N, C-alpha and C. Protein backbone atom coordinates (compact mmCIF):
# COMPACT_ATOMS: atom_id res chain seq x y z
N LEU A 1 -31.61 -193.58 -12.25
CA LEU A 1 -30.53 -194.08 -11.53
C LEU A 1 -29.45 -192.75 -11.67
N MET A 2 -29.41 -191.70 -12.05
CA MET A 2 -28.89 -190.45 -11.70
C MET A 2 -29.30 -190.09 -10.03
N GLU A 3 -30.31 -190.20 -9.94
CA GLU A 3 -30.82 -189.61 -8.62
C GLU A 3 -30.32 -190.82 -7.49
N GLU A 4 -30.32 -191.93 -7.75
CA GLU A 4 -29.59 -193.23 -7.10
C GLU A 4 -28.03 -193.00 -7.00
N GLY A 5 -27.39 -192.13 -7.62
CA GLY A 5 -25.80 -192.18 -7.87
C GLY A 5 -25.20 -192.64 -8.02
N LYS A 6 -25.96 -193.44 -9.69
CA LYS A 6 -25.38 -194.17 -10.55
C LYS A 6 -25.25 -193.72 -11.79
N PRO A 7 -24.22 -192.47 -11.80
CA PRO A 7 -24.08 -192.03 -13.09
C PRO A 7 -23.81 -192.83 -14.58
N ASP A 8 -22.90 -193.89 -13.90
CA ASP A 8 -22.35 -194.58 -15.06
C ASP A 8 -23.23 -195.43 -15.71
N GLU A 9 -24.49 -196.09 -15.04
CA GLU A 9 -25.23 -197.02 -15.56
C GLU A 9 -26.51 -196.17 -15.90
N ALA A 10 -26.62 -194.95 -15.29
CA ALA A 10 -27.53 -193.88 -16.53
C ALA A 10 -26.74 -193.55 -17.48
N ILE A 11 -25.56 -193.45 -17.96
CA ILE A 11 -24.90 -193.44 -19.03
C ILE A 11 -25.32 -194.29 -20.15
N SER A 12 -24.95 -195.66 -19.39
CA SER A 12 -25.38 -196.78 -20.39
C SER A 12 -26.76 -196.76 -20.85
N MET A 13 -27.77 -196.55 -20.14
CA MET A 13 -28.94 -196.12 -20.65
C MET A 13 -29.10 -195.35 -21.81
N PHE A 14 -28.86 -194.24 -21.42
CA PHE A 14 -28.78 -192.84 -22.70
C PHE A 14 -27.94 -193.54 -23.57
N GLU A 15 -27.01 -194.03 -23.58
CA GLU A 15 -26.31 -194.73 -24.92
C GLU A 15 -27.02 -195.39 -25.79
N ILE A 16 -27.90 -196.78 -24.94
CA ILE A 16 -28.72 -196.98 -25.53
C ILE A 16 -29.91 -196.50 -26.30
N CYS A 17 -30.65 -195.63 -25.59
CA CYS A 17 -31.34 -194.61 -26.12
C CYS A 17 -30.89 -193.96 -27.50
N LEU A 18 -29.85 -192.92 -27.59
CA LEU A 18 -28.94 -192.65 -28.65
C LEU A 18 -28.81 -193.44 -29.85
N LYS A 19 -28.41 -194.76 -29.33
CA LYS A 19 -28.34 -196.14 -30.46
C LYS A 19 -29.79 -195.88 -31.54
N LYS A 20 -30.94 -196.21 -30.59
CA LYS A 20 -32.03 -195.85 -30.98
C LYS A 20 -32.43 -194.96 -31.83
N LYS A 21 -32.33 -193.69 -31.46
CA LYS A 21 -32.69 -192.64 -31.71
C LYS A 21 -31.72 -191.00 -31.79
N PRO A 22 -30.35 -191.23 -32.75
CA PRO A 22 -29.53 -190.54 -32.40
C PRO A 22 -29.68 -188.90 -32.20
N ASP A 23 -30.60 -188.50 -32.90
CA ASP A 23 -31.10 -187.27 -32.93
C ASP A 23 -31.97 -186.73 -31.67
N TRP A 24 -32.14 -187.68 -30.62
CA TRP A 24 -32.73 -187.49 -29.43
C TRP A 24 -32.32 -186.17 -28.61
N MET A 25 -32.48 -185.53 -28.46
CA MET A 25 -31.60 -183.96 -28.13
C MET A 25 -31.27 -184.06 -26.24
N LEU A 26 -32.62 -184.62 -25.95
CA LEU A 26 -33.02 -184.48 -24.16
C LEU A 26 -32.10 -186.05 -24.19
N ALA A 27 -31.63 -186.97 -24.20
CA ALA A 27 -31.24 -187.99 -24.02
C ALA A 27 -29.64 -187.34 -24.01
N SER A 28 -29.21 -186.52 -25.12
CA SER A 28 -28.11 -186.26 -25.11
C SER A 28 -27.29 -185.27 -23.88
N ILE A 29 -28.21 -184.57 -23.95
CA ILE A 29 -28.08 -183.40 -22.46
C ILE A 29 -27.86 -184.04 -21.55
N LEU A 30 -28.87 -185.47 -20.87
CA LEU A 30 -28.93 -185.86 -19.83
C LEU A 30 -27.58 -186.63 -20.08
N LYS A 31 -27.18 -187.35 -20.89
CA LYS A 31 -25.96 -188.29 -21.01
C LYS A 31 -24.81 -187.26 -20.66
N ALA A 32 -24.83 -186.20 -20.88
CA ALA A 32 -23.57 -185.28 -20.85
C ALA A 32 -23.75 -184.91 -19.44
N LYS A 33 -24.89 -184.61 -18.77
CA LYS A 33 -24.95 -184.42 -16.90
C LYS A 33 -24.52 -185.34 -16.35
N CYS A 34 -24.76 -186.48 -16.71
CA CYS A 34 -24.10 -187.85 -16.49
C CYS A 34 -22.98 -187.68 -16.18
N LEU A 35 -21.99 -187.61 -17.34
CA LEU A 35 -21.13 -187.83 -17.86
C LEU A 35 -20.07 -186.77 -16.67
N ILE A 36 -20.72 -185.57 -16.21
CA ILE A 36 -20.28 -184.50 -15.80
C ILE A 36 -20.29 -185.33 -14.43
N ALA A 37 -21.36 -186.00 -13.88
CA ALA A 37 -21.17 -186.19 -12.32
C ALA A 37 -20.14 -187.35 -12.80
N ALA A 38 -20.25 -188.06 -13.56
CA ALA A 38 -19.05 -189.08 -13.19
C ALA A 38 -17.73 -188.58 -13.52
N ASN A 39 -17.73 -187.31 -13.61
CA ASN A 39 -16.35 -186.71 -13.48
C ASN A 39 -15.59 -187.07 -14.69
N ARG A 40 -16.16 -187.59 -15.90
CA ARG A 40 -15.40 -187.58 -17.47
C ARG A 40 -16.03 -186.39 -18.14
N LYS A 41 -15.32 -185.28 -18.21
CA LYS A 41 -15.30 -184.16 -18.53
C LYS A 41 -15.15 -184.01 -19.78
N GLY A 42 -14.04 -184.51 -20.49
CA GLY A 42 -13.83 -184.64 -21.60
C GLY A 42 -14.97 -185.28 -22.67
N GLU A 43 -15.46 -186.43 -22.51
CA GLU A 43 -16.72 -186.88 -23.01
C GLU A 43 -18.03 -185.84 -23.03
N ALA A 44 -18.01 -185.60 -21.77
CA ALA A 44 -18.92 -184.78 -21.85
C ALA A 44 -18.99 -183.47 -22.28
N LYS A 45 -18.09 -183.01 -22.77
CA LYS A 45 -17.87 -181.70 -23.82
C LYS A 45 -18.28 -182.48 -25.24
N SER A 46 -17.72 -183.38 -25.59
CA SER A 46 -17.98 -183.74 -26.85
C SER A 46 -19.54 -184.04 -26.70
N GLU A 47 -20.22 -184.58 -26.25
CA GLU A 47 -21.66 -184.85 -25.56
C GLU A 47 -22.51 -183.56 -25.78
N LEU A 48 -22.16 -182.53 -25.19
CA LEU A 48 -22.70 -181.26 -25.14
C LEU A 48 -22.65 -180.43 -26.59
N HIS A 49 -21.45 -180.87 -27.17
CA HIS A 49 -21.24 -179.91 -28.60
C HIS A 49 -22.36 -180.59 -29.37
N LEU A 50 -22.35 -182.06 -28.94
CA LEU A 50 -23.56 -182.68 -30.32
C LEU A 50 -24.91 -182.36 -29.56
N ALA A 51 -25.49 -182.15 -28.44
CA ALA A 51 -26.67 -181.75 -27.72
C ALA A 51 -26.75 -180.48 -28.55
N LEU A 52 -25.57 -179.49 -28.49
CA LEU A 52 -25.92 -177.79 -29.02
C LEU A 52 -26.04 -177.81 -30.61
N LYS A 53 -25.45 -179.14 -31.37
CA LYS A 53 -26.18 -179.19 -32.77
C LYS A 53 -27.34 -179.48 -32.83
N LEU A 54 -27.63 -180.30 -32.23
CA LEU A 54 -29.44 -180.85 -32.20
C LEU A 54 -30.21 -179.76 -31.66
N ALA A 55 -29.97 -178.95 -30.74
CA ALA A 55 -30.36 -178.01 -29.97
C ALA A 55 -30.88 -176.88 -31.23
N ILE A 56 -29.48 -176.52 -31.80
CA ILE A 56 -29.86 -175.67 -32.76
C ILE A 56 -30.64 -176.42 -34.12
N GLU A 57 -30.36 -177.58 -34.78
CA GLU A 57 -30.92 -178.09 -35.83
C GLU A 57 -32.58 -178.18 -35.53
N GLN A 58 -32.87 -178.03 -34.42
CA GLN A 58 -34.55 -178.36 -34.20
C GLN A 58 -34.77 -177.20 -33.23
N GLU A 59 -34.00 -176.30 -33.47
CA GLU A 59 -34.79 -175.15 -32.93
C GLU A 59 -35.09 -175.11 -31.62
N HIS A 60 -34.71 -175.38 -30.60
CA HIS A 60 -34.82 -175.44 -29.22
C HIS A 60 -34.15 -174.34 -28.67
N GLU A 61 -34.53 -173.14 -28.26
CA GLU A 61 -33.73 -172.17 -27.51
C GLU A 61 -33.37 -172.32 -26.37
N GLY A 62 -34.59 -172.65 -25.41
CA GLY A 62 -34.18 -173.16 -23.96
C GLY A 62 -32.67 -174.40 -23.40
N PRO A 63 -33.35 -175.31 -24.45
CA PRO A 63 -32.00 -176.19 -24.39
C PRO A 63 -30.48 -175.77 -24.76
N GLU A 64 -30.93 -175.31 -25.70
CA GLU A 64 -29.43 -174.72 -26.51
C GLU A 64 -28.95 -173.90 -25.58
N SER A 65 -29.69 -172.94 -24.83
CA SER A 65 -29.22 -171.82 -23.74
C SER A 65 -28.54 -172.45 -22.72
N GLU A 66 -28.94 -173.94 -22.12
CA GLU A 66 -28.50 -174.75 -21.41
C GLU A 66 -27.35 -175.34 -21.62
N VAL A 67 -27.66 -176.04 -22.60
CA VAL A 67 -25.93 -176.35 -23.31
C VAL A 67 -24.75 -175.35 -23.32
N ARG A 68 -25.05 -174.41 -23.59
CA ARG A 68 -24.26 -173.33 -23.78
C ARG A 68 -23.57 -173.03 -22.31
N LYS A 69 -24.47 -172.78 -21.25
CA LYS A 69 -24.32 -172.33 -20.07
C LYS A 69 -23.20 -173.92 -19.74
N LEU A 70 -23.52 -174.88 -19.88
CA LEU A 70 -23.02 -176.11 -19.27
C LEU A 70 -21.29 -176.02 -19.80
N LEU A 71 -21.29 -175.93 -21.01
CA LEU A 71 -20.20 -175.69 -21.92
C LEU A 71 -19.29 -174.82 -21.43
N GLU A 72 -19.75 -173.72 -20.93
CA GLU A 72 -18.97 -172.47 -20.25
C GLU A 72 -18.52 -172.97 -19.05
N THR A 73 -19.16 -173.63 -18.33
CA THR A 73 -18.96 -174.32 -16.91
C THR A 73 -17.48 -175.05 -16.75
N LEU A 74 -18.15 -175.79 -18.10
CA LEU A 74 -16.66 -176.78 -18.37
C LEU A 74 -15.51 -176.15 -18.80
N SER A 75 -15.44 -175.25 -19.43
CA SER A 75 -14.17 -174.69 -19.71
C SER A 75 -13.58 -173.72 -18.61
N GLN A 76 -14.55 -173.37 -17.90
CA GLN A 76 -13.83 -172.90 -16.45
C GLN A 76 -13.45 -173.33 -15.40
N ALA A 77 -13.77 -174.83 -15.42
CA ALA A 77 -12.94 -175.94 -14.76
C ALA A 77 -11.90 -176.45 -14.72
């Protein structure tokens, strides 16, 4: 859906995924990217903070670094 330029629809799908598996870090990161694309930056920051928490808890260094960069980019915007 994101590739089709439908971030709002993609967000809804990720929300369904996260209701079924709240600790799904990748779904959280992708949802945040969709929120950024939909210009919903405040919501994106909240989602990124959740994704960062999950990445740290699950010891995923690559995603942790990616989320930190996204948060930094949002802070500069």
